[in-house]
Amino acid sequence: MHYTPLFPYFADIKTAFHVLCDEYFTEDNGTGVVHQAPYFGEDDYRVCFVNDVINKDTGSVVCPIDAQCRFTDEAKDFQGQNVKDADKTIIKYLKEAERLVHQSVMLHSYPFCWRSDTTLIYRAVPS
């Protein structure tokens, strides 16, 4: 099964936005549905690789933020905005597109650089 993504970016990637199954998550912990980000976790990578979402011949890494953590032109509606400053713009976009089901604020721990005490943004890069 496939689904329509919340944002139109990368919708042309034929292997993306599919429903996949795996045993590392279960329905008794949360919803039983997990977003896979193949460049951001061992299980995510494995599940996407096994299901041909990505492969060794896959071209460039999909990560629409630059080295300064600003959205690139791939995410045209948010281009140039820092990812930590774009929340309100993203929420507005989702509301206008009638794709926002619920909005709330959650307090949680967040990674900070131990040297500069600034927030860390995970960004996929080829290695």
PDB file of N, CA and C in Angstrom:
ATOM      1  N   MET A   1       0.841  -1.181   0.000  1.00  0.00           N
ATOM      2  CA  MET A   1       0.000   0.000   0.000  1.00  0.00           C
ATOM      3  C   MET A   1       0.885   1.243   0.000  1.00  0.00           C
ATOM      4  N   HIS A   2       0.418   2.286  -0.601  1.00  0.00           N
ATOM      5  CA  HIS A   2       1.136   3.549  -0.566  1.00  0.00           C
ATOM      6  C   HIS A   2       0.182   4.622  -0.046  1.00  0.00           C
ATOM      7  N   TYR A   3       0.718   5.771   0.270  1.00  0.00           N
ATOM      8  CA  TYR A   3      -0.100   6.851   0.798  1.00  0.00           C
ATOM      9  C   TYR A   3       0.376   8.188   0.245  1.00  0.00           C
ATOM     10  N   THR A   4      -0.473   9.182   0.366  1.00  0.00           N
ATOM     11  CA  THR A   4      -0.139  10.525  -0.066  1.00  0.00           C
ATOM     12  C   THR A   4       0.588  11.231   1.069  1.00  0.00           C
ATOM     13  N   PRO A   5       1.785  11.742   0.829  1.00  0.00           N
ATOM     14  CA  PRO A   5       2.540  12.398   1.908  1.00  0.00           C
ATOM     15  C   PRO A   5       1.907  13.735   2.301  1.00  0.00           C
ATOM     16  N   LEU A   6       2.188  14.182   3.520  1.00  0.00           N
ATOM     17  CA  LEU A   6       1.674  15.466   4.005  1.00  0.00           C
ATOM     18  C   LEU A   6       2.182  16.633   3.168  1.00  0.00           C
ATOM     19  N   PHE A   7       3.381  16.518   2.672  1.00  0.00           N
ATOM     20  CA  PHE A   7       4.003  17.559   1.864  1.00  0.00           C
ATOM     21  C   PHE A   7       4.284  16.986   0.478  1.00  0.00           C
ATOM     22  N   PRO A   8       4.215  17.796  -0.567  1.00  0.00           N
ATOM     23  CA  PRO A   8       4.409  17.271  -1.923  1.00  0.00           C
ATOM     24  C   PRO A   8       5.863  16.963  -2.273  1.00  0.00           C
ATOM     25  N   TYR A   9       6.784  17.372  -1.427  1.00  0.00           N
ATOM     26  CA  TYR A   9       8.197  17.192  -1.726  1.00  0.00           C
ATOM     27  C   TYR A   9       8.515  15.696  -1.773  1.00  0.00           C
ATOM     28  N   PHE A  10       9.271  15.305  -2.765  1.00  0.00           N
ATOM     29  CA  PHE A  10       9.749  13.934  -2.936  1.00  0.00           C
ATOM     30  C   PHE A  10       8.643  12.941  -3.295  1.00  0.00           C
ATOM     31  N   ALA A  11       7.446  13.435  -3.600  1.00  0.00           N
ATOM     32  CA  ALA A  11       6.341  12.542  -3.974  1.00  0.00           C
ATOM     33  C   ALA A  11       6.650  11.792  -5.268  1.00  0.00           C
ATOM     34  N   ASP A  12       7.594  12.304  -6.050  1.00  0.00           N
ATOM     35  CA  ASP A  12       7.951  11.651  -7.307  1.00  0.00           C
ATOM     36  C   ASP A  12       8.891  10.458  -7.112  1.00  0.00           C
ATOM     37  N   ILE A  13       9.368  10.244  -5.893  1.00  0.00           N
ATOM     38  CA  ILE A  13      10.218   9.077  -5.628  1.00  0.00           C
ATOM     39  C   ILE A  13       9.306   7.861  -5.503  1.00  0.00           C
ATOM     40  N   LYS A  14       9.361   7.002  -6.482  1.00  0.00           N
ATOM     41  CA  LYS A  14       8.398   5.903  -6.581  1.00  0.00           C
ATOM     42  C   LYS A  14       8.473   4.902  -5.428  1.00  0.00           C
ATOM     43  N   THR A  15       9.621   4.786  -4.787  1.00  0.00           N
ATOM     44  CA  THR A  15       9.750   3.809  -3.706  1.00  0.00           C
ATOM     45  C   THR A  15       9.371   4.387  -2.342  1.00  0.00           C
ATOM     46  N   ALA A  16       9.111   5.688  -2.287  1.00  0.00           N
ATOM     47  CA  ALA A  16       8.791   6.330  -1.002  1.00  0.00           C
ATOM     48  C   ALA A  16       7.290   6.273  -0.720  1.00  0.00           C
ATOM     49  N   PHE A  17       6.939   6.551   0.531  1.00  0.00           N
ATOM     50  CA  PHE A  17       5.547   6.675   0.971  1.00  0.00           C
ATOM     51  C   PHE A  17       4.748   5.389   0.783  1.00  0.00           C
ATOM     52  N   HIS A  18       5.349   4.300   1.211  1.00  0.00           N
ATOM     53  CA  HIS A  18       4.702   2.992   1.205  1.00  0.00           C
ATOM     54  C   HIS A  18       4.574   2.493   2.640  1.00  0.00           C
ATOM     55  N   VAL A  19       3.587   1.654   2.867  1.00  0.00           N
ATOM     56  CA  VAL A  19       3.409   1.027   4.170  1.00  0.00           C
ATOM     57  C   VAL A  19       4.239  -0.255   4.180  1.00  0.00           C
ATOM     58  N   LEU A  20       5.116  -0.372   5.182  1.00  0.00           N
ATOM     59  CA  LEU A  20       6.000  -1.525   5.317  1.00  0.00           C
ATOM     60  C   LEU A  20       5.751  -2.194   6.663  1.00  0.00           C
ATOM     61  N   CYS A  21       6.139  -3.442   6.773  1.00  0.00           N
ATOM     62  CA  CYS A  21       5.983  -4.168   8.036  1.00  0.00           C
ATOM     63  C   CYS A  21       7.339  -4.647   8.529  1.00  0.00           C
ATOM     64  N   ASP A  22       7.474  -4.698   9.848  1.00  0.00           N
ATOM     65  CA  ASP A  22       8.682  -5.241  10.457  1.00  0.00           C
ATOM     66  C   ASP A  22       8.359  -5.585  11.907  1.00  0.00           C
ATOM     67  N   GLU A  23       9.194  -6.399  12.513  1.00  0.00           N
ATOM     68  CA  GLU A  23       8.926  -6.867  13.873  1.00  0.00           C
ATOM     69  C   GLU A  23       9.547  -6.006  14.967  1.00  0.00           C
ATOM     70  N   TYR A  24      10.308  -4.976  14.634  1.00  0.00           N
ATOM     71  CA  TYR A  24      10.959  -4.199  15.687  1.00  0.00           C
ATOM     72  C   TYR A  24      10.012  -3.241  16.398  1.00  0.00           C
ATOM     73  N   PHE A  25       8.820  -3.049  15.895  1.00  0.00           N
ATOM     74  CA  PHE A  25       7.821  -2.266  16.615  1.00  0.00           C
ATOM     75  C   PHE A  25       6.510  -3.042  16.612  1.00  0.00           C
ATOM     76  N   THR A  26       5.704  -2.793  17.632  1.00  0.00           N
ATOM     77  CA  THR A  26       4.464  -3.542  17.796  1.00  0.00           C
ATOM     78  C   THR A  26       3.302  -2.602  18.085  1.00  0.00           C
ATOM     79  N   GLU A  27       2.096  -3.103  17.955  1.00  0.00           N
ATOM     80  CA  GLU A  27       0.902  -2.281  18.179  1.00  0.00           C
ATOM     81  C   GLU A  27       0.618  -2.034  19.655  1.00  0.00           C
ATOM     82  N   ASP A  28       1.313  -2.731  20.546  1.00  0.00           N
ATOM     83  CA  ASP A  28       1.073  -2.493  21.978  1.00  0.00           C
ATOM     84  C   ASP A  28       1.949  -1.361  22.524  1.00  0.00           C
ATOM     85  N   ASN A  29       2.711  -0.713  21.674  1.00  0.00           N
ATOM     86  CA  ASN A  29       3.540   0.410  22.069  1.00  0.00           C
ATOM     87  C   ASN A  29       3.249   1.568  21.115  1.00  0.00           C
ATOM     88  N   GLY A  30       2.367   2.450  21.507  1.00  0.00           N
ATOM     89  CA  GLY A  30       1.979   3.562  20.630  1.00  0.00           C
ATOM     90  C   GLY A  30       0.918   3.123  19.652  1.00  0.00           C
ATOM     91  N   THR A  31       0.991   3.632  18.445  1.00  0.00           N
ATOM     92  CA  THR A  31      -0.027   3.346  17.440  1.00  0.00           C
ATOM     93  C   THR A  31       0.252   2.082  16.647  1.00  0.00           C
ATOM     94  N   GLY A  32       1.479   1.606  16.690  1.00  0.00           N
ATOM     95  CA  GLY A  32       1.861   0.475  15.854  1.00  0.00           C
ATOM     96  C   GLY A  32       2.296   0.917  14.467  1.00  0.00           C
ATOM     97  N   VAL A  33       2.293   2.237  14.238  1.00  0.00           N
ATOM     98  CA  VAL A  33       2.725   2.794  12.957  1.00  0.00           C
ATOM     99  C   VAL A  33       3.939   3.676  13.226  1.00  0.00           C
ATOM    100  N   VAL A  34       5.002   3.466  12.466  1.00  0.00           N
ATOM    101  CA  VAL A  34       6.246   4.194  12.679  1.00  0.00           C
ATOM    102  C   VAL A  34       6.730   4.751  11.346  1.00  0.00           C
ATOM    103  N   HIS A  35       7.140   5.999  11.355  1.00  0.00           N
ATOM    104  CA  HIS A  35       7.740   6.619  10.167  1.00  0.00           C
ATOM    105  C   HIS A  35       9.155   6.083  10.012  1.00  0.00           C
ATOM    106  N   GLN A  36       9.530   5.723   8.805  1.00  0.00           N
ATOM    107  CA  GLN A  36      10.880   5.247   8.538  1.00  0.00           C
ATOM    108  C   GLN A  36      11.704   6.342   7.879  1.00  0.00           C
ATOM    109  N   ALA A  37      12.859   6.592   8.412  1.00  0.00           N
ATOM    110  CA  ALA A  37      13.795   7.557   7.838  1.00  0.00           C
ATOM    111  C   ALA A  37      15.104   6.808   7.609  1.00  0.00           C
ATOM    112  N   PRO A  38      15.315   6.283   6.406  1.00  0.00           N
ATOM    113  CA  PRO A  38      16.414   5.345   6.174  1.00  0.00           C
ATOM    114  C   PRO A  38      17.804   5.865   6.474  1.00  0.00           C
ATOM    115  N   TYR A  39      18.004   7.167   6.516  1.00  0.00           N
ATOM    116  CA  TYR A  39      19.341   7.703   6.785  1.00  0.00           C
ATOM    117  C   TYR A  39      19.526   8.097   8.240  1.00  0.00           C
ATOM    118  N   PHE A  40      18.560   7.762   9.097  1.00  0.00           N
ATOM    119  CA  PHE A  40      18.605   8.233  10.479  1.00  0.00           C
ATOM    120  C   PHE A  40      18.430   7.135  11.517  1.00  0.00           C
ATOM    121  N   GLY A  41      18.706   5.916  11.192  1.00  0.00           N
ATOM    122  CA  GLY A  41      18.606   4.869  12.193  1.00  0.00           C
ATOM    123  C   GLY A  41      18.873   3.508  11.598  1.00  0.00           C
ATOM    124  N   GLU A  42      19.440   2.634  12.400  1.00  0.00           N
ATOM    125  CA  GLU A  42      19.811   1.301  11.927  1.00  0.00           C
ATOM    126  C   GLU A  42      18.594   0.504  11.468  1.00  0.00           C
ATOM    127  N   ASP A  43      17.536   0.469  12.304  1.00  0.00           N
ATOM    128  CA  ASP A  43      16.332  -0.269  11.907  1.00  0.00           C
ATOM    129  C   ASP A  43      15.663   0.365  10.698  1.00  0.00           C
ATOM    130  N   ASP A  44      15.584   1.679  10.674  1.00  0.00           N
ATOM    131  CA  ASP A  44      14.981   2.376   9.535  1.00  0.00           C
ATOM    132  C   ASP A  44      15.719   2.024   8.244  1.00  0.00           C
ATOM    133  N   TYR A  45      17.036   2.064   8.300  1.00  0.00           N
ATOM    134  CA  TYR A  45      17.849   1.741   7.130  1.00  0.00           C
ATOM    135  C   TYR A  45      17.592   0.302   6.680  1.00  0.00           C
ATOM    136  N   ARG A  46      17.628  -0.624   7.646  1.00  0.00           N
ATOM    137  CA  ARG A  46      17.445  -2.043   7.325  1.00  0.00           C
ATOM    138  C   ARG A  46      16.081  -2.299   6.684  1.00  0.00           C
ATOM    139  N   VAL A  47      15.017  -1.771   7.280  1.00  0.00           N
ATOM    140  CA  VAL A  47      13.662  -1.993   6.760  1.00  0.00           C
ATOM    141  C   VAL A  47      13.530  -1.395   5.360  1.00  0.00           C
ATOM    142  N   CYS A  48      14.038  -0.201   5.167  1.00  0.00           N
ATOM    143  CA  CYS A  48      13.944   0.435   3.849  1.00  0.00           C
ATOM    144  C   CYS A  48      14.805  -0.275   2.812  1.00  0.00           C
ATOM    145  N   PHE A  49      15.950  -0.772   3.228  1.00  0.00           N
ATOM    146  CA  PHE A  49      16.835  -1.496   2.306  1.00  0.00           C
ATOM    147  C   PHE A  49      16.197  -2.819   1.889  1.00  0.00           C
ATOM    148  N   VAL A  50      15.692  -3.567   2.855  1.00  0.00           N
ATOM    149  CA  VAL A  50      15.068  -4.865   2.572  1.00  0.00           C
ATOM    150  C   VAL A  50      13.843  -4.707   1.664  1.00  0.00           C
ATOM    151  N   ASN A  51      13.129  -3.595   1.802  1.00  0.00           N
ATOM    152  CA  ASN A  51      11.912  -3.366   1.021  1.00  0.00           C
ATOM    153  C   ASN A  51      12.143  -2.511  -0.221  1.00  0.00           C
ATOM    154  N   ASP A  52      13.398  -2.339  -0.621  1.00  0.00           N
ATOM    155  CA  ASP A  52      13.769  -1.611  -1.841  1.00  0.00           C
ATOM    156  C   ASP A  52      13.323  -0.151  -1.878  1.00  0.00           C
ATOM    157  N   VAL A  53      13.166   0.455  -0.712  1.00  0.00           N
ATOM    158  CA  VAL A  53      12.929   1.894  -0.672  1.00  0.00           C
ATOM    159  C   VAL A  53      14.220   2.601  -1.071  1.00  0.00           C
ATOM    160  N   ILE A  54      15.327   2.077  -0.565  1.00  0.00           N
ATOM    161  CA  ILE A  54      16.658   2.523  -0.968  1.00  0.00           C
ATOM    162  C   ILE A  54      17.460   1.293  -1.344  1.00  0.00           C
ATOM    163  N   ASN A  55      18.526   1.493  -2.092  1.00  0.00           N
ATOM    164  CA  ASN A  55      19.431   0.399  -2.424  1.00  0.00           C
ATOM    165  C   ASN A  55      20.824   0.975  -2.633  1.00  0.00           C
ATOM    166  N   LYS A  56      21.758   0.125  -2.926  1.00  0.00           N
ATOM    167  CA  LYS A  56      23.141   0.600  -3.076  1.00  0.00           C
ATOM    168  C   LYS A  56      23.309   1.528  -4.261  1.00  0.00           C
ATOM    169  N   ASP A  57      22.381   1.489  -5.197  1.00  0.00           N
ATOM    170  CA  ASP A  57      22.456   2.355  -6.370  1.00  0.00           C
ATOM    171  C   ASP A  57      21.623   3.623  -6.214  1.00  0.00           C
ATOM    172  N   THR A  58      20.970   3.778  -5.059  1.00  0.00           N
ATOM    173  CA  THR A  58      20.174   4.977  -4.827  1.00  0.00           C
ATOM    174  C   THR A  58      21.077   6.188  -4.963  1.00  0.00           C
ATOM    175  N   GLY A  59      20.594   7.196  -5.631  1.00  0.00           N
ATOM    176  CA  GLY A  59      21.398   8.397  -5.879  1.00  0.00           C
ATOM    177  C   GLY A  59      21.712   9.143  -4.596  1.00  0.00           C
ATOM    178  N   SER A  60      21.496  10.412  -4.611  1.00  0.00           N
ATOM    179  CA  SER A  60      21.863  11.256  -3.478  1.00  0.00           C
ATOM    180  C   SER A  60      20.977  10.993  -2.263  1.00  0.00           C
ATOM    181  N   VAL A  61      21.503  11.325  -1.120  1.00  0.00           N
ATOM    182  CA  VAL A  61      20.788  11.207   0.142  1.00  0.00           C
ATOM    183  C   VAL A  61      19.685  12.258   0.175  1.00  0.00           C
ATOM    184  N   VAL A  62      18.487  11.860   0.593  1.00  0.00           N
ATOM    185  CA  VAL A  62      17.369  12.798   0.692  1.00  0.00           C
ATOM    186  C   VAL A  62      17.414  13.464   2.061  1.00  0.00           C
ATOM    187  N   CYS A  63      17.764  14.733   2.072  1.00  0.00           N
ATOM    188  CA  CYS A  63      17.819  15.507   3.310  1.00  0.00           C
ATOM    189  C   CYS A  63      17.751  16.985   2.928  1.00  0.00           C
ATOM    190  N   PRO A  64      16.551  17.577   2.948  1.00  0.00           N
ATOM    191  CA  PRO A  64      16.380  18.931   2.405  1.00  0.00           C
ATOM    192  C   PRO A  64      16.788  20.067   3.340  1.00  0.00           C
ATOM    193  N   ILE A  65      17.897  19.901   4.030  1.00  0.00           N
ATOM    194  CA  ILE A  65      18.456  21.009   4.815  1.00  0.00           C
ATOM    195  C   ILE A  65      19.939  21.138   4.486  1.00  0.00           C
ATOM    196  N   ASP A  66      20.421  22.364   4.526  1.00  0.00           N
ATOM    197  CA  ASP A  66      21.818  22.618   4.178  1.00  0.00           C
ATOM    198  C   ASP A  66      22.702  22.565   5.425  1.00  0.00           C
ATOM    199  N   ALA A  67      23.965  22.878   5.265  1.00  0.00           N
ATOM    200  CA  ALA A  67      24.930  22.804   6.366  1.00  0.00           C
ATOM    201  C   ALA A  67      24.625  23.792   7.494  1.00  0.00           C
ATOM    202  N   GLN A  68      23.852  24.838   7.207  1.00  0.00           N
ATOM    203  CA  GLN A  68      23.453  25.804   8.244  1.00  0.00           C
ATOM    204  C   GLN A  68      22.085  25.467   8.821  1.00  0.00           C
ATOM    205  N   CYS A  69      21.569  24.273   8.485  1.00  0.00           N
ATOM    206  CA  CYS A  69      20.280  23.765   8.985  1.00  0.00           C
ATOM    207  C   CYS A  69      19.097  24.615   8.529  1.00  0.00           C
ATOM    208  N   ARG A  70      19.189  25.099   7.298  1.00  0.00           N
ATOM    209  CA  ARG A  70      18.082  25.809   6.670  1.00  0.00           C
ATOM    210  C   ARG A  70      17.502  24.915   5.583  1.00  0.00           C
ATOM    211  N   PHE A  71      16.186  24.998   5.411  1.00  0.00           N
ATOM    212  CA  PHE A  71      15.555  24.223   4.353  1.00  0.00           C
ATOM    213  C   PHE A  71      16.087  24.658   2.992  1.00  0.00           C
ATOM    214  N   THR A  72      16.320  23.672   2.129  1.00  0.00           N
ATOM    215  CA  THR A  72      16.795  23.941   0.774  1.00  0.00           C
ATOM    216  C   THR A  72      15.603  24.165  -0.153  1.00  0.00           C
ATOM    217  N   ASP A  73      15.879  24.407  -1.414  1.00  0.00           N
ATOM    218  CA  ASP A  73      14.800  24.624  -2.376  1.00  0.00           C
ATOM    219  C   ASP A  73      13.966  23.371  -2.616  1.00  0.00           C
ATOM    220  N   GLU A  74      14.432  22.211  -2.157  1.00  0.00           N
ATOM    221  CA  GLU A  74      13.629  20.986  -2.262  1.00  0.00           C
ATOM    222  C   GLU A  74      12.353  21.099  -1.425  1.00  0.00           C
ATOM    223  N   ALA A  75      12.403  21.872  -0.355  1.00  0.00           N
ATOM    224  CA  ALA A  75      11.230  22.135   0.495  1.00  0.00           C
ATOM    225  C   ALA A  75      10.838  23.596   0.267  1.00  0.00           C
ATOM    226  N   LYS A  76      10.357  23.867  -0.936  1.00  0.00           N
ATOM    227  CA  LYS A  76      10.200  25.239  -1.418  1.00  0.00           C
ATOM    228  C   LYS A  76       9.372  26.143  -0.520  1.00  0.00           C
ATOM    229  N   ASP A  77       8.377  25.609   0.177  1.00  0.00           N
ATOM    230  CA  ASP A  77       7.531  26.446   1.032  1.00  0.00           C
ATOM    231  C   ASP A  77       8.262  26.948   2.278  1.00  0.00           C
ATOM    232  N   PHE A  78       9.375  26.329   2.601  1.00  0.00           N
ATOM    233  CA  PHE A  78      10.124  26.687   3.807  1.00  0.00           C
ATOM    234  C   PHE A  78      11.576  27.039   3.496  1.00  0.00           C
ATOM    235  N   GLN A  79      11.892  27.161   2.221  1.00  0.00           N
ATOM    236  CA  GLN A  79      13.258  27.404   1.760  1.00  0.00           C
ATOM    237  C   GLN A  79      13.891  28.582   2.498  1.00  0.00           C
ATOM    238  N   GLY A  80      15.112  28.364   2.984  1.00  0.00           N
ATOM    239  CA  GLY A  80      15.880  29.407   3.654  1.00  0.00           C
ATOM    240  C   GLY A  80      15.601  29.539   5.139  1.00  0.00           C
ATOM    241  N   GLN A  81      14.533  28.911   5.632  1.00  0.00           N
ATOM    242  CA  GLN A  81      14.207  29.001   7.055  1.00  0.00           C
ATOM    243  C   GLN A  81      15.008  27.972   7.847  1.00  0.00           C
ATOM    244  N   ASN A  82      15.479  28.366   9.003  1.00  0.00           N
ATOM    245  CA  ASN A  82      16.136  27.433   9.907  1.00  0.00           C
ATOM    246  C   ASN A  82      15.091  26.429  10.397  1.00  0.00           C
ATOM    247  N   VAL A  83      15.468  25.160  10.458  1.00  0.00           N
ATOM    248  CA  VAL A  83      14.499  24.117  10.817  1.00  0.00           C
ATOM    249  C   VAL A  83      13.888  24.326  12.204  1.00  0.00           C
ATOM    250  N   LYS A  84      14.634  24.918  13.119  1.00  0.00           N
ATOM    251  CA  LYS A  84      14.104  25.157  14.466  1.00  0.00           C
ATOM    252  C   LYS A  84      13.179  26.373  14.507  1.00  0.00           C
ATOM    253  N   ASP A  85      13.259  27.242  13.507  1.00  0.00           N
ATOM    254  CA  ASP A  85      12.422  28.437  13.474  1.00  0.00           C
ATOM    255  C   ASP A  85      11.197  28.273  12.572  1.00  0.00           C
ATOM    256  N   ALA A  86      11.084  27.164  11.877  1.00  0.00           N
ATOM    257  CA  ALA A  86      10.035  26.988  10.863  1.00  0.00           C
ATOM    258  C   ALA A  86       8.754  26.366  11.397  1.00  0.00           C
ATOM    259  N   ASP A  87       8.700  26.010  12.667  1.00  0.00           N
ATOM    260  CA  ASP A  87       7.526  25.307  13.202  1.00  0.00           C
ATOM    261  C   ASP A  87       6.206  26.016  12.895  1.00  0.00           C
ATOM    262  N   LYS A  88       6.128  27.300  13.163  1.00  0.00           N
ATOM    263  CA  LYS A  88       4.871  28.035  12.960  1.00  0.00           C
ATOM    264  C   LYS A  88       4.479  28.066  11.483  1.00  0.00           C
ATOM    265  N   THR A  89       5.451  28.209  10.620  1.00  0.00           N
ATOM    266  CA  THR A  89       5.180  28.218   9.182  1.00  0.00           C
ATOM    267  C   THR A  89       4.687  26.846   8.726  1.00  0.00           C
ATOM    268  N   ILE A  90       5.284  25.803   9.242  1.00  0.00           N
ATOM    269  CA  ILE A  90       4.884  24.436   8.882  1.00  0.00           C
ATOM    270  C   ILE A  90       3.474  24.156   9.387  1.00  0.00           C
ATOM    271  N   ILE A  91       3.175  24.545  10.620  1.00  0.00           N
ATOM    272  CA  ILE A  91       1.833  24.343  11.174  1.00  0.00           C
ATOM    273  C   ILE A  91       0.797  25.111  10.360  1.00  0.00           C
ATOM    274  N   LYS A  92       1.111  26.348   9.989  1.00  0.00           N
ATOM    275  CA  LYS A  92       0.202  27.156   9.164  1.00  0.00           C
ATOM    276  C   LYS A  92      -0.052  26.465   7.824  1.00  0.00           C
ATOM    277  N   TYR A  93       0.993  25.961   7.209  1.00  0.00           N
ATOM    278  CA  TYR A  93       0.870  25.246   5.930  1.00  0.00           C
ATOM    279  C   TYR A  93      -0.072  24.047   6.080  1.00  0.00           C
ATOM    280  N   LEU A  94       0.137  23.250   7.127  1.00  0.00           N
ATOM    281  CA  LEU A  94      -0.694  22.060   7.341  1.00  0.00           C
ATOM    282  C   LEU A  94      -2.146  22.428   7.613  1.00  0.00           C
ATOM    283  N   LYS A  95      -2.378  23.489   8.377  1.00  0.00           N
ATOM    284  CA  LYS A  95      -3.748  23.949   8.636  1.00  0.00           C
ATOM    285  C   LYS A  95      -4.425  24.369   7.341  1.00  0.00           C
ATOM    286  N   GLU A  96      -3.741  25.180   6.541  1.00  0.00           N
ATOM    287  CA  GLU A  96      -4.318  25.668   5.286  1.00  0.00           C
ATOM    288  C   GLU A  96      -4.597  24.535   4.307  1.00  0.00           C
ATOM    289  N   ALA A  97      -3.786  23.486   4.363  1.00  0.00           N
ATOM    290  CA  ALA A  97      -3.982  22.328   3.490  1.00  0.00           C
ATOM    291  C   ALA A  97      -4.988  21.338   4.084  1.00  0.00           C
ATOM    292  N   GLU A  98      -5.534  21.687   5.263  1.00  0.00           N
ATOM    293  CA  GLU A  98      -6.483  20.831   5.988  1.00  0.00           C
ATOM    294  C   GLU A  98      -5.903  19.444   6.248  1.00  0.00           C
ATOM    295  N   ARG A  99      -4.629  19.427   6.641  1.00  0.00           N
ATOM    296  CA  ARG A  99      -3.936  18.168   6.941  1.00  0.00           C
ATOM    297  C   ARG A  99      -3.478  18.089   8.391  1.00  0.00           C
ATOM    298  N   LEU A 100      -3.840  19.060   9.190  1.00  0.00           N
ATOM    299  CA  LEU A 100      -3.453  19.056  10.593  1.00  0.00           C
ATOM    300  C   LEU A 100      -4.604  18.487  11.414  1.00  0.00           C
ATOM    301  N   VAL A 101      -4.337  17.405  12.118  1.00  0.00           N
ATOM    302  CA  VAL A 101      -5.365  16.757  12.927  1.00  0.00           C
ATOM    303  C   VAL A 101      -5.371  17.324  14.337  1.00  0.00           C
ATOM    304  N   HIS A 102      -4.188  17.535  14.900  1.00  0.00           N
ATOM    305  CA  HIS A 102      -4.085  18.014  16.279  1.00  0.00           C
ATOM    306  C   HIS A 102      -2.765  18.749  16.444  1.00  0.00           C
ATOM    307  N   GLN A 103      -2.790  19.800  17.225  1.00  0.00           N
ATOM    308  CA  GLN A 103      -1.575  20.555  17.513  1.00  0.00           C
ATOM    309  C   GLN A 103      -1.465  20.729  19.020  1.00  0.00           C
ATOM    310  N   SER A 104      -0.297  20.450  19.557  1.00  0.00           N
ATOM    311  CA  SER A 104      -0.039  20.690  20.970  1.00  0.00           C
ATOM    312  C   SER A 104       1.463  20.841  21.167  1.00  0.00           C
ATOM    313  N   VAL A 105       1.836  21.290  22.328  1.00  0.00           N
ATOM    314  CA  VAL A 105       3.241  21.456  22.671  1.00  0.00           C
ATOM    315  C   VAL A 105       3.615  20.373  23.668  1.00  0.00           C
ATOM    316  N   MET A 106       4.723  19.721  23.436  1.00  0.00           N
ATOM    317  CA  MET A 106       5.207  18.685  24.351  1.00  0.00           C
ATOM    318  C   MET A 106       6.595  19.076  24.814  1.00  0.00           C
ATOM    319  N   LEU A 107       6.819  18.976  26.093  1.00  0.00           N
ATOM    320  CA  LEU A 107       8.159  19.190  26.636  1.00  0.00           C
ATOM    321  C   LEU A 107       8.884  17.853  26.649  1.00  0.00           C
ATOM    322  N   HIS A 108      10.087  17.846  26.126  1.00  0.00           N
ATOM    323  CA  HIS A 108      10.878  16.620  26.106  1.00  0.00           C
ATOM    324  C   HIS A 108      12.357  16.986  26.068  1.00  0.00           C
ATOM    325  N   SER A 109      13.187  16.022  26.358  1.00  0.00           N
ATOM    326  CA  SER A 109      14.625  16.288  26.305  1.00  0.00           C
ATOM    327  C   SER A 109      15.039  16.450  24.849  1.00  0.00           C
ATOM    328  N   TYR A 110      16.099  17.202  24.640  1.00  0.00           N
ATOM    329  CA  TYR A 110      16.575  17.469  23.294  1.00  0.00           C
ATOM    330  C   TYR A 110      18.102  17.513  23.337  1.00  0.00           C
ATOM    331  N   PRO A 111      18.758  16.995  22.305  1.00  0.00           N
ATOM    332  CA  PRO A 111      20.229  16.965  22.337  1.00  0.00           C
ATOM    333  C   PRO A 111      20.851  18.346  22.132  1.00  0.00           C
ATOM    334  N   PHE A 112      21.858  18.630  22.935  1.00  0.00           N
ATOM    335  CA  PHE A 112      22.614  19.873  22.845  1.00  0.00           C
ATOM    336  C   PHE A 112      24.088  19.548  22.700  1.00  0.00           C
ATOM    337  N   CYS A 113      24.809  20.392  22.004  1.00  0.00           N
ATOM    338  CA  CYS A 113      26.250  20.244  21.868  1.00  0.00           C
ATOM    339  C   CYS A 113      26.896  20.541  23.218  1.00  0.00           C
ATOM    340  N   TRP A 114      27.734  19.659  23.689  1.00  0.00           N
ATOM    341  CA  TRP A 114      28.361  19.854  25.001  1.00  0.00           C
ATOM    342  C   TRP A 114      29.394  20.971  24.967  1.00  0.00           C
ATOM    343  N   ARG A 115      29.882  21.314  23.774  1.00  0.00           N
ATOM    344  CA  ARG A 115      30.868  22.384  23.691  1.00  0.00           C
ATOM    345  C   ARG A 115      30.241  23.774  23.604  1.00  0.00           C
ATOM    346  N   SER A 116      29.217  23.915  22.762  1.00  0.00           N
ATOM    347  CA  SER A 116      28.648  25.243  22.518  1.00  0.00           C
ATOM    348  C   SER A 116      27.296  25.447  23.200  1.00  0.00           C
ATOM    349  N   ASP A 117      26.719  24.384  23.763  1.00  0.00           N
ATOM    350  CA  ASP A 117      25.408  24.431  24.404  1.00  0.00           C
ATOM    351  C   ASP A 117      24.327  24.901  23.432  1.00  0.00           C
ATOM    352  N   THR A 118      24.477  24.539  22.148  1.00  0.00           N
ATOM    353  CA  THR A 118      23.460  24.848  21.148  1.00  0.00           C
ATOM    354  C   THR A 118      22.750  23.560  20.737  1.00  0.00           C
ATOM    355  N   THR A 119      21.535  23.703  20.214  1.00  0.00           N
ATOM    356  CA  THR A 119      20.781  22.518  19.821  1.00  0.00           C
ATOM    357  C   THR A 119      21.457  21.801  18.659  1.00  0.00           C
ATOM    358  N   LEU A 120      21.315  20.501  18.646  1.00  0.00           N
ATOM    359  CA  LEU A 120      21.860  19.695  17.563  1.00  0.00           C
ATOM    360  C   LEU A 120      20.747  19.367  16.577  1.00  0.00           C
ATOM    361  N   ILE A 121      21.057  19.423  15.329  1.00  0.00           N
ATOM    362  CA  ILE A 121      20.129  19.050  14.267  1.00  0.00           C
ATOM    363  C   ILE A 121      20.767  17.864  13.545  1.00  0.00           C
ATOM    364  N   TYR A 122      20.029  16.775  13.458  1.00  0.00           N
ATOM    365  CA  TYR A 122      20.542  15.627  12.729  1.00  0.00           C
ATOM    366  C   TYR A 122      20.342  15.870  11.241  1.00  0.00           C
ATOM    367  N   ARG A 123      21.410  15.690  10.482  1.00  0.00           N
ATOM    368  CA  ARG A 123      21.381  15.927   9.049  1.00  0.00           C
ATOM    369  C   ARG A 123      22.099  14.775   8.360  1.00  0.00           C
ATOM    370  N   ALA A 124      21.444  14.179   7.401  1.00  0.00           N
ATOM    371  CA  ALA A 124      22.045  13.063   6.686  1.00  0.00           C
ATOM    372  C   ALA A 124      23.070  13.570   5.699  1.00  0.00           C
ATOM    373  N   VAL A 125      24.238  12.945   5.707  1.00  0.00           N
ATOM    374  CA  VAL A 125      25.293  13.287   4.758  1.00  0.00           C
ATOM    375  C   VAL A 125      25.916  11.981   4.258  1.00  0.00           C
ATOM    376  N   PRO A 126      26.385  11.961   3.025  1.00  0.00           N
ATOM    377  CA  PRO A 126      27.032  10.751   2.512  1.00  0.00           C
ATOM    378  C   PRO A 126      28.309  10.456   3.316  1.00  0.00           C
ATOM    379  N   SER A 127      28.575   9.196   3.514  1.00  0.00           N
ATOM    380  CA  SER A 127      29.823   8.843   4.201  1.00  0.00           C
ATOM    381  C   SER A 127      30.449   7.635   3.535  1.00  0.00           C
TER     382      SER A 127
END
